[in-house]
Amino acid sequence: MGMKCTALAAALLFFVCGSVRAQTHAAAVSRLLSRDFEKAIKRFPTGREVYARLEKAGPRAKAVRISILPGPAGGIASFDAVENAVRFDPVPMSGFFGMKGAGAQELVELLYRDPKARSALAGRADATYLHELVHALQSYLYPNYRSDVPRGAPLEFEYEAYLTGAMYTHEKMRKSPEPLKKYLAGGGYDVYSFAALSGYLSLSLDLDAYKENIRKKYEEELGGFISLEKAEKIRKNSVEESKIIAYASGRGREYAANKARLSGVRREKEAYVGFLEDFYRRRWPAFSAEALLFIGTAALEVKNYPVALECLAGADASAVKSGAPPEELKKMKEKGALAILESAAFIKDKAGAMGLPELSRHLRALERACANTGRPFPAAPAALLSEIRPRALKYYSGLAAAEKDPAKAAYYRDNADYFSRGAERP
């Protein structure tokens, strides 16, 4: 009996000590990663600005933690306002480290003992972490709205987080453009670099189009996100509907409290809308023009003509109304013309070696660029487009009908719709 008790006590001691050690390591990893991320992110102006805003937001902002725990389905990271922590999902992180199937604790142990692993994560997942830090900042500055949005999360918060991430990525790529060129050339990339660069490449001179892409992703595809205006209407209706019942049942104070919360949500909404409008007005025109010129030039260098056309010739069409600096507009027009000439020559020379998806993508990009800028569509690509249009329509229609993923199906439908029409006009 005594031996059994001793064995049981030893097992319990091992379990407790192991749990304490794991918790200690998790706390240590949080501190170490927070330090490494801050060091990496503060190398760039946008990163320094976010940290300066966090510094002013109070003690809770300074205490944000990092944890390795599952988050929303399909996400690589998220901010948990209750835990005051940025969560990194272990599934994509295990793939990043080449440890497929590794659990959270294995990843914590790796990051605890290996400074190189922490440095690699901080160097690649920095834009992802910054995106979530913006959400953390929003939760501190607008607590009523963040916690009281009925049936959803604030859509507009994503606008700010995405633009901040794009500005940060632009600054980082300007300093070291090789990862961008590798990505544009079809080279390998990790999950965190893909998230940063794909978000960066979604830029456009048209601010409304940029925000609409984000809205579709979060409101229609992912769900659970609603606009500030919708959230206020839902809360207002809920408060008004409860008025009669509350007073009839002697819960007048409860109604008054709900009404006060509605006022708080309204105040925060007005403050945030004002901040966001100023944020875009001051930053968008010059930033988007500079970034698109930079991306388009890099795409031309690696012969990624669809991206070059989208960034350069496509931006040319909306350049004047964008308010971008004149010197940037002049450069875009020159580069846009070059992209069209080079793309037409590339299609003429390489059409026979391209598969239907690649060829249709190049032809569509070239046709749109010519239509948007008022430049003539070269004769050889125009004849080729007429030939492959019905084949492309059949191909994309079939993919759209069979695809289960909503985002991919929408992409295929958009292409099918495009090739079902005649030559596009500006």
Protein backbone atom coordinates (compact mmCIF):
# COMPACT_ATOMS: atom_id res chain seq x y z
CA MET A 1 0.00 0.00 0.00
CA GLY A 2 2.81 2.36 0.95
CA MET A 3 4.67 1.65 -2.30
CA LYS A 4 1.52 2.34 -4.31
CA CYS A 5 1.04 5.66 -2.54
CA THR A 6 4.66 6.55 -3.14
CA ALA A 7 4.36 5.70 -6.85
CA LEU A 8 1.15 7.69 -7.13
CA ALA A 9 2.71 10.67 -5.38
CA ALA A 10 5.72 10.51 -7.71
CA ALA A 11 3.46 10.39 -10.77
CA LEU A 12 1.44 13.35 -9.50
CA LEU A 13 4.64 15.28 -8.76
CA PHE A 14 5.93 14.59 -12.29
CA PHE A 15 2.61 15.72 -13.78
CA VAL A 16 2.45 18.90 -11.71
CA CYS A 17 6.10 19.79 -12.32
CA GLY A 18 5.69 19.10 -16.04
CA SER A 19 2.62 21.34 -16.18
CA VAL A 20 4.35 24.12 -14.25
CA ARG A 21 7.41 23.83 -16.52
CA ALA A 22 5.19 24.00 -19.61
CA GLN A 23 3.37 27.06 -18.28
CA THR A 24 6.68 28.69 -17.37
CA HIS A 25 8.03 28.05 -20.83
CA ALA A 26 4.88 29.45 -22.44
CA ALA A 27 5.23 32.63 -20.39
CA ALA A 28 8.94 32.84 -21.22
CA VAL A 29 8.29 32.28 -24.93
CA SER A 30 5.69 35.05 -24.84
CA ARG A 31 8.23 37.46 -23.36
CA LEU A 32 11.02 36.39 -25.72
CA LEU A 33 8.89 36.51 -28.85
CA SER A 34 7.39 39.86 -27.87
CA ARG A 35 10.90 41.25 -27.58
CA ASP A 36 12.02 39.74 -30.90
CA PHE A 37 8.93 40.95 -32.76
CA GLU A 38 9.28 44.44 -31.34
CA LYS A 39 12.92 44.60 -32.40
CA ALA A 40 12.07 43.45 -35.94
CA ILE A 41 9.03 45.67 -36.39
CA LYS A 42 10.55 48.84 -34.99
CA ARG A 43 13.10 48.87 -37.81
CA PHE A 44 10.43 50.50 -39.98
CA PRO A 45 8.45 53.76 -39.54
CA THR A 46 4.98 52.17 -39.60
CA GLY A 47 6.01 49.67 -36.96
CA ARG A 48 7.43 52.38 -34.71
CA GLU A 49 4.22 54.35 -35.06
CA VAL A 50 2.04 51.42 -33.94
CA TYR A 51 4.25 50.77 -30.92
CA ALA A 52 4.14 54.48 -30.01
CA ARG A 53 0.33 54.36 -30.10
CA LEU A 54 0.36 51.24 -27.93
CA GLU A 55 2.63 53.01 -25.45
CA LYS A 56 0.02 55.76 -25.05
CA ALA A 57 -2.91 53.35 -24.78
CA GLY A 58 -2.23 52.38 -21.16
CA PRO A 59 -0.87 49.46 -19.09
CA ARG A 60 -3.07 46.80 -20.70
CA ALA A 61 -1.58 47.63 -24.10
CA LYS A 62 1.91 47.10 -22.70
CA ALA A 63 0.93 43.70 -21.29
CA VAL A 64 -0.30 42.04 -24.52
CA ARG A 65 0.93 38.44 -24.62
CA ILE A 66 1.71 35.91 -27.34
CA SER A 67 0.26 32.40 -27.18
CA ILE A 68 0.34 29.37 -29.45
CA LEU A 69 -3.24 28.17 -29.48
CA PRO A 70 -5.87 27.36 -32.13
CA GLY A 71 -7.75 30.43 -33.34
CA PRO A 72 -10.59 30.98 -35.81
CA ALA A 73 -10.84 28.30 -38.50
CA GLY A 74 -8.46 28.95 -41.38
CA GLY A 75 -6.63 31.80 -39.63
CA ILE A 76 -2.90 31.94 -38.99
CA ALA A 77 -3.20 34.37 -36.08
CA SER A 78 -5.84 36.31 -34.18
CA PHE A 79 -6.18 38.72 -31.26
CA ASP A 80 -8.07 37.49 -28.20
CA ALA A 81 -9.39 40.55 -26.34
CA VAL A 82 -10.38 38.52 -23.26
CA GLU A 83 -6.91 36.98 -22.88
CA ASN A 84 -5.21 40.15 -24.15
CA ALA A 85 -3.08 37.91 -26.33
CA VAL A 86 -2.09 37.47 -29.97
CA ARG A 87 -2.72 33.82 -30.76
CA PHE A 88 -0.63 32.01 -33.36
CA ASP A 89 -2.37 28.90 -34.65
CA PRO A 90 -0.09 25.85 -34.21
CA VAL A 91 -1.07 24.19 -37.52
CA PRO A 92 0.43 26.80 -39.90
CA MET A 93 3.29 27.39 -37.46
CA SER A 94 4.21 23.70 -37.46
CA GLY A 95 4.33 23.80 -41.27
CA PHE A 96 6.51 26.91 -41.15
CA PHE A 97 9.07 25.07 -39.01
CA GLY A 98 8.86 21.85 -41.04
CA MET A 99 7.25 20.05 -38.08
CA LYS A 100 3.97 18.99 -39.65
CA GLY A 101 1.57 17.69 -37.01
CA ALA A 102 3.49 19.21 -34.09
CA GLY A 103 1.30 20.41 -31.24
CA ALA A 104 1.38 23.70 -29.38
CA GLN A 105 3.60 22.39 -26.60
CA GLU A 106 6.24 21.09 -29.01
CA LEU A 107 6.32 24.50 -30.68
CA VAL A 108 6.61 26.26 -27.33
CA GLU A 109 9.57 24.06 -26.42
CA LEU A 110 11.24 24.72 -29.78
CA LEU A 111 10.84 28.48 -29.42
CA TYR A 112 12.00 28.37 -25.80
CA ARG A 113 15.28 26.59 -26.51
CA ASP A 114 16.15 27.87 -30.02
CA PRO A 115 16.82 31.60 -30.54
CA LYS A 116 17.22 31.01 -34.30
CA ALA A 117 13.67 29.65 -34.47
CA ARG A 118 12.34 32.75 -32.68
CA SER A 119 14.36 35.00 -34.98
CA ALA A 120 13.03 33.22 -38.08
CA LEU A 121 9.44 33.58 -36.88
CA ALA A 122 9.88 37.25 -35.98
CA GLY A 123 11.45 37.91 -39.40
CA ARG A 124 8.65 36.28 -41.41
CA ALA A 125 5.52 36.65 -39.28
CA ASP A 126 6.20 40.29 -38.36
CA ALA A 127 3.47 41.72 -40.65
CA THR A 128 1.00 39.14 -39.30
CA TYR A 129 1.84 40.07 -35.72
CA LEU A 130 1.60 43.79 -36.51
CA HIS A 131 -1.87 43.25 -38.04
CA GLU A 132 -3.02 41.67 -34.77
CA LEU A 133 -1.35 44.39 -32.69
CA VAL A 134 -3.53 46.92 -34.55
CA HIS A 135 -6.58 44.92 -33.43
CA ALA A 136 -5.22 44.93 -29.88
CA LEU A 137 -4.85 48.70 -30.05
CA GLN A 138 -8.42 49.03 -31.33
CA SER A 139 -9.72 47.00 -28.39
CA TYR A 140 -8.03 49.38 -25.95
CA LEU A 141 -9.13 52.59 -27.68
CA TYR A 142 -12.71 51.50 -28.47
CA PRO A 143 -13.64 49.03 -25.69
CA ASN A 144 -17.42 49.45 -25.90
CA TYR A 145 -17.55 48.90 -29.60
CA ARG A 146 -15.08 46.02 -29.58
CA SER A 147 -16.98 44.15 -26.86
CA ASP A 148 -20.52 45.18 -27.75
CA VAL A 149 -20.81 44.61 -31.49
CA PRO A 150 -23.89 42.42 -31.76
CA ARG A 151 -23.53 39.26 -33.83
CA GLY A 152 -20.18 40.14 -35.33
CA ALA A 153 -16.81 41.82 -35.34
CA PRO A 154 -16.09 45.36 -36.59
CA LEU A 155 -15.47 45.28 -40.34
CA GLU A 156 -13.81 48.71 -40.43
CA PHE A 157 -11.16 47.52 -37.98
CA GLU A 158 -9.91 45.23 -40.75
CA TYR A 159 -9.47 48.18 -43.12
CA GLU A 160 -7.01 49.83 -40.76
CA ALA A 161 -5.19 46.58 -39.94
CA TYR A 162 -4.75 45.64 -43.60
CA LEU A 163 -3.54 49.06 -44.70
CA THR A 164 -1.11 49.21 -41.77
CA GLY A 165 0.23 45.78 -42.76
CA ALA A 166 0.55 46.85 -46.41
CA MET A 167 2.43 50.03 -45.47
CA TYR A 168 4.76 48.04 -43.24
CA THR A 169 5.38 45.41 -45.93
CA HIS A 170 6.11 48.15 -48.48
CA GLU A 171 8.74 49.69 -46.21
CA LYS A 172 10.27 46.26 -45.64
CA MET A 173 10.31 45.35 -49.35
CA ARG A 174 11.81 48.71 -50.30
CA LYS A 175 14.76 47.89 -48.06
CA SER A 176 15.08 44.29 -49.31
CA PRO A 177 13.04 43.55 -52.48
CA GLU A 178 14.29 40.01 -53.14
CA PRO A 179 11.42 38.23 -51.30
CA LEU A 180 8.89 40.20 -53.37
CA LYS A 181 10.67 39.41 -56.64
CA LYS A 182 10.91 35.73 -55.70
CA TYR A 183 7.19 35.67 -54.90
CA LEU A 184 6.29 37.44 -58.17
CA ALA A 185 8.49 35.01 -60.12
CA GLY A 186 6.58 32.05 -58.68
CA GLY A 187 9.24 31.01 -56.18
CA GLY A 188 8.59 29.29 -52.87
CA TYR A 189 7.20 31.13 -49.89
CA ASP A 190 6.12 30.37 -46.35
CA VAL A 191 2.64 30.86 -44.91
CA TYR A 192 3.45 34.16 -43.19
CA SER A 193 5.24 35.69 -46.19
CA PHE A 194 2.32 34.64 -48.41
CA ALA A 195 -0.16 36.39 -46.11
CA ALA A 196 1.91 39.60 -46.05
CA LEU A 197 2.70 39.72 -49.77
CA SER A 198 -0.74 38.70 -51.01
CA GLY A 199 -2.26 41.46 -48.88
CA TYR A 200 0.33 43.92 -50.18
CA LEU A 201 -0.39 42.97 -53.80
CA SER A 202 -4.12 43.63 -53.32
CA LEU A 203 -3.39 47.39 -53.30
CA SER A 204 -4.99 49.66 -55.86
CA LEU A 205 -5.22 53.39 -56.45
CA ASP A 206 -8.97 53.06 -55.96
CA LEU A 207 -9.53 53.16 -52.20
CA ASP A 208 -13.15 52.02 -52.48
CA ALA A 209 -12.11 48.98 -54.54
CA TYR A 210 -9.43 48.13 -51.96
CA LYS A 211 -11.92 48.28 -49.09
CA GLU A 212 -14.53 46.38 -51.10
CA ASN A 213 -12.12 43.44 -51.49
CA ILE A 214 -11.67 43.34 -47.72
CA ARG A 215 -15.43 43.64 -47.14
CA LYS A 216 -16.17 40.72 -49.42
CA LYS A 217 -13.62 38.53 -47.67
CA TYR A 218 -14.81 39.24 -44.13
CA GLU A 219 -18.51 39.96 -44.54
CA GLU A 220 -19.46 37.52 -47.30
CA GLU A 221 -16.85 34.75 -47.32
CA LEU A 222 -15.81 34.42 -43.67
CA GLY A 223 -18.95 35.89 -42.09
CA GLY A 224 -19.32 37.29 -38.57
CA PHE A 225 -18.17 40.79 -39.53
CA ILE A 226 -20.48 43.78 -39.85
CA SER A 227 -20.00 47.46 -40.55
CA LEU A 228 -20.11 50.18 -37.92
CA GLU A 229 -23.40 51.48 -39.31
CA LYS A 230 -25.11 48.07 -39.25
CA ALA A 231 -23.85 47.38 -35.74
CA GLU A 232 -25.25 50.66 -34.45
CA LYS A 233 -28.66 50.00 -36.05
CA ILE A 234 -28.85 46.52 -34.56
CA ARG A 235 -27.96 47.80 -31.09
CA LYS A 236 -30.40 50.72 -31.39
CA ASN A 237 -33.27 48.43 -32.41
CA SER A 238 -32.45 46.03 -29.59
CA VAL A 239 -32.48 48.82 -27.00
CA GLU A 240 -35.76 50.31 -28.25
CA GLU A 241 -37.49 46.93 -28.39
CA SER A 242 -36.54 46.26 -24.78
CA LYS A 243 -37.91 49.56 -23.47
CA ILE A 244 -41.55 48.59 -22.83
CA ILE A 245 -40.70 45.15 -21.47
CA ALA A 246 -38.01 46.56 -19.20
CA TYR A 247 -40.26 49.15 -17.57
CA ALA A 248 -43.21 46.74 -17.34
CA SER A 249 -41.09 44.22 -15.47
CA GLY A 250 -39.43 46.75 -13.22
CA ARG A 251 -36.08 46.66 -15.03
CA GLY A 252 -35.89 50.34 -15.88
CA ARG A 253 -32.30 50.57 -14.69
CA GLU A 254 -31.32 47.77 -17.06
CA TYR A 255 -32.85 49.69 -19.97
CA ALA A 256 -31.04 52.88 -18.91
CA ALA A 257 -27.76 50.95 -18.77
CA ASN A 258 -28.31 49.52 -22.26
CA LYS A 259 -29.11 52.99 -23.57
CA ALA A 260 -25.91 54.34 -22.03
CA ARG A 261 -23.96 51.55 -23.72
CA LEU A 262 -25.55 52.50 -27.04
CA SER A 263 -24.37 56.08 -26.53
CA GLY A 264 -20.88 54.78 -25.82
CA VAL A 265 -20.91 52.72 -29.01
CA ARG A 266 -22.05 55.79 -30.98
CA ARG A 267 -19.29 57.97 -29.54
CA GLU A 268 -16.64 55.37 -30.32
CA LYS A 269 -18.04 54.84 -33.82
CA GLU A 270 -17.87 58.57 -34.56
CA ALA A 271 -14.34 58.78 -33.16
CA TYR A 272 -13.14 55.79 -35.16
CA VAL A 273 -14.79 56.89 -38.41
CA GLY A 274 -13.09 60.28 -38.02
CA PHE A 275 -9.74 58.62 -37.35
CA LEU A 276 -10.08 56.25 -40.33
CA GLU A 277 -11.08 59.02 -42.76
CA ASP A 278 -8.11 61.11 -41.69
CA PHE A 279 -5.84 58.05 -41.86
CA TYR A 280 -6.80 57.40 -45.49
CA ARG A 281 -6.92 61.04 -46.57
CA ARG A 282 -3.39 61.72 -45.33
CA ARG A 283 -1.77 58.46 -46.41
CA TRP A 284 -3.56 56.73 -49.24
CA PRO A 285 -2.81 58.75 -52.44
CA ALA A 286 0.96 59.03 -52.09
CA PHE A 287 1.40 55.59 -50.54
CA SER A 288 -0.70 53.64 -53.04
CA ALA A 289 0.95 55.34 -56.04
CA GLU A 290 4.45 54.73 -54.72
CA ALA A 291 3.71 51.11 -53.77
CA LEU A 292 2.07 50.24 -57.09
CA LEU A 293 4.96 51.74 -59.02
CA PHE A 294 7.40 49.74 -56.91
CA ILE A 295 5.44 46.45 -57.24
CA GLY A 296 4.84 46.95 -60.96
CA THR A 297 8.50 47.66 -61.63
CA ALA A 298 9.52 44.54 -59.71
CA ALA A 299 6.96 42.51 -61.66
CA LEU A 300 8.36 43.78 -64.97
CA GLU A 301 11.86 42.78 -63.91
CA VAL A 302 10.81 39.16 -63.30
CA LYS A 303 8.44 39.14 -66.33
CA ASN A 304 5.23 38.73 -64.31
CA TYR A 305 3.24 40.71 -66.86
CA PRO A 306 -0.29 40.26 -65.41
CA VAL A 307 0.80 41.86 -62.12
CA ALA A 308 2.85 44.52 -63.92
CA LEU A 309 -0.16 45.45 -66.06
CA GLU A 310 -2.50 45.53 -63.08
CA CYS A 311 -0.19 47.76 -61.06
CA LEU A 312 1.14 50.05 -63.78
CA ALA A 313 -1.29 50.29 -66.69
CA GLY A 314 -4.31 49.61 -64.48
CA ALA A 315 -3.31 52.30 -62.02
CA ASP A 316 -2.70 54.69 -64.91
CA ALA A 317 -6.47 54.76 -65.56
CA SER A 318 -7.37 56.07 -62.11
CA ALA A 319 -4.16 58.00 -61.48
CA VAL A 320 -5.46 61.52 -62.08
CA LYS A 321 -8.42 61.27 -59.69
CA SER A 322 -6.29 59.53 -57.06
CA GLY A 323 -4.50 62.71 -55.99
CA ALA A 324 -1.12 60.98 -56.22
CA PRO A 325 1.96 63.20 -56.68
CA PRO A 326 2.51 64.31 -60.33
CA GLU A 327 5.97 62.75 -60.55
CA GLU A 328 4.55 59.38 -59.52
CA LEU A 329 1.73 59.67 -62.08
CA LYS A 330 4.26 60.43 -64.85
CA LYS A 331 6.36 57.42 -63.91
CA MET A 332 3.28 55.17 -63.84
CA LYS A 333 2.20 56.27 -67.31
CA GLU A 334 5.67 55.62 -68.71
CA LYS A 335 5.93 52.24 -66.98
CA GLY A 336 2.37 51.40 -67.98
CA ALA A 337 3.15 51.93 -71.66
CA LEU A 338 6.28 49.80 -71.30
CA ALA A 339 4.32 47.02 -69.57
CA ILE A 340 1.82 46.90 -72.45
CA LEU A 341 4.55 46.74 -75.12
CA GLU A 342 6.56 44.08 -73.28
CA SER A 343 3.44 42.01 -72.48
CA ALA A 344 2.27 42.02 -76.10
CA ALA A 345 5.71 40.89 -77.29
CA PHE A 346 5.88 38.19 -74.60
CA ILE A 347 2.45 36.79 -75.53
CA LYS A 348 3.35 36.75 -79.22
CA ASP A 349 6.59 34.86 -78.57
CA LYS A 350 5.43 32.48 -75.82
CA ALA A 351 1.74 31.78 -76.57
CA GLY A 352 2.49 28.32 -77.96
CA ALA A 353 4.26 27.27 -74.77
CA MET A 354 1.53 28.52 -72.39
CA GLY A 355 -1.34 26.46 -71.06
CA LEU A 356 -4.87 27.84 -71.28
CA PRO A 357 -4.99 29.27 -67.70
CA GLU A 358 -1.70 31.16 -68.11
CA LEU A 359 -2.48 32.38 -71.61
CA SER A 360 -6.00 33.54 -70.74
CA ARG A 361 -4.65 35.37 -67.67
CA HIS A 362 -2.09 37.24 -69.77
CA LEU A 363 -4.59 38.13 -72.49
CA ARG A 364 -7.18 39.33 -70.03
CA ALA A 365 -4.65 41.51 -68.21
CA LEU A 366 -3.43 43.01 -71.49
CA GLU A 367 -6.93 43.67 -72.82
CA ARG A 368 -8.01 45.34 -69.59
CA ALA A 369 -4.86 47.46 -69.45
CA CYS A 370 -5.37 48.69 -73.02
CA ALA A 371 -9.05 49.40 -72.47
CA ASN A 372 -8.48 51.22 -69.18
CA THR A 373 -5.72 53.43 -70.53
CA GLY A 374 -7.23 54.06 -73.98
CA ARG A 375 -4.29 52.46 -75.75
CA PRO A 376 -4.93 50.25 -78.82
CA PHE A 377 -5.00 46.50 -78.27
CA PRO A 378 -2.18 45.01 -80.43
CA ALA A 379 -3.42 43.04 -83.43
CA ALA A 380 -1.68 39.71 -82.76
CA PRO A 381 -2.94 39.32 -79.15
CA ALA A 382 -6.41 40.52 -80.23
CA ALA A 383 -6.69 37.73 -82.83
CA LEU A 384 -5.43 35.20 -80.27
CA LEU A 385 -7.97 36.37 -77.69
CA SER A 386 -10.86 35.88 -80.15
CA GLU A 387 -9.63 32.35 -80.73
CA ILE A 388 -9.28 31.27 -77.10
CA ARG A 389 -12.27 33.17 -75.64
CA PRO A 390 -14.79 30.29 -76.06
CA ARG A 391 -12.27 27.77 -74.73
CA ALA A 392 -11.57 29.94 -71.68
CA LEU A 393 -15.30 30.38 -71.05
CA LYS A 394 -15.87 26.62 -71.08
CA TYR A 395 -12.82 25.98 -68.90
CA TYR A 396 -13.67 28.49 -66.15
CA SER A 397 -17.40 27.66 -66.19
CA GLY A 398 -16.56 24.02 -65.52
CA LEU A 399 -14.19 24.91 -62.67
CA ALA A 400 -16.75 27.26 -61.10
CA ALA A 401 -19.48 24.59 -61.19
CA ALA A 402 -17.26 21.99 -59.49
CA GLU A 403 -15.49 24.19 -56.92
CA LYS A 404 -16.62 23.98 -53.27
CA ASP A 405 -14.41 26.75 -51.88
CA PRO A 406 -16.41 30.03 -52.13
CA ALA A 407 -13.38 32.25 -52.84
CA LYS A 408 -12.05 30.01 -55.62
CA ALA A 409 -15.53 29.54 -57.10
CA ALA A 410 -15.98 33.34 -57.20
CA TYR A 411 -12.62 33.69 -58.98
CA TYR A 412 -13.61 31.11 -61.60
CA ARG A 413 -17.04 32.70 -62.09
CA ASP A 414 -15.47 36.11 -62.57
CA ASN A 415 -13.23 34.72 -65.31
CA ALA A 416 -16.13 32.88 -66.94
CA ASP A 417 -18.17 36.08 -66.94
CA TYR A 418 -15.26 37.99 -68.42
CA PHE A 419 -14.69 35.59 -71.30
CA SER A 420 -18.44 35.35 -71.99
CA ARG A 421 -18.42 39.02 -73.02
CA GLY A 422 -17.01 40.61 -76.11
CA ALA A 423 -13.95 42.82 -76.11
CA GLU A 424 -13.96 44.95 -72.97
CA ARG A 425 -14.46 48.68 -73.27
CA PRO A 426 -13.16 51.35 -70.89
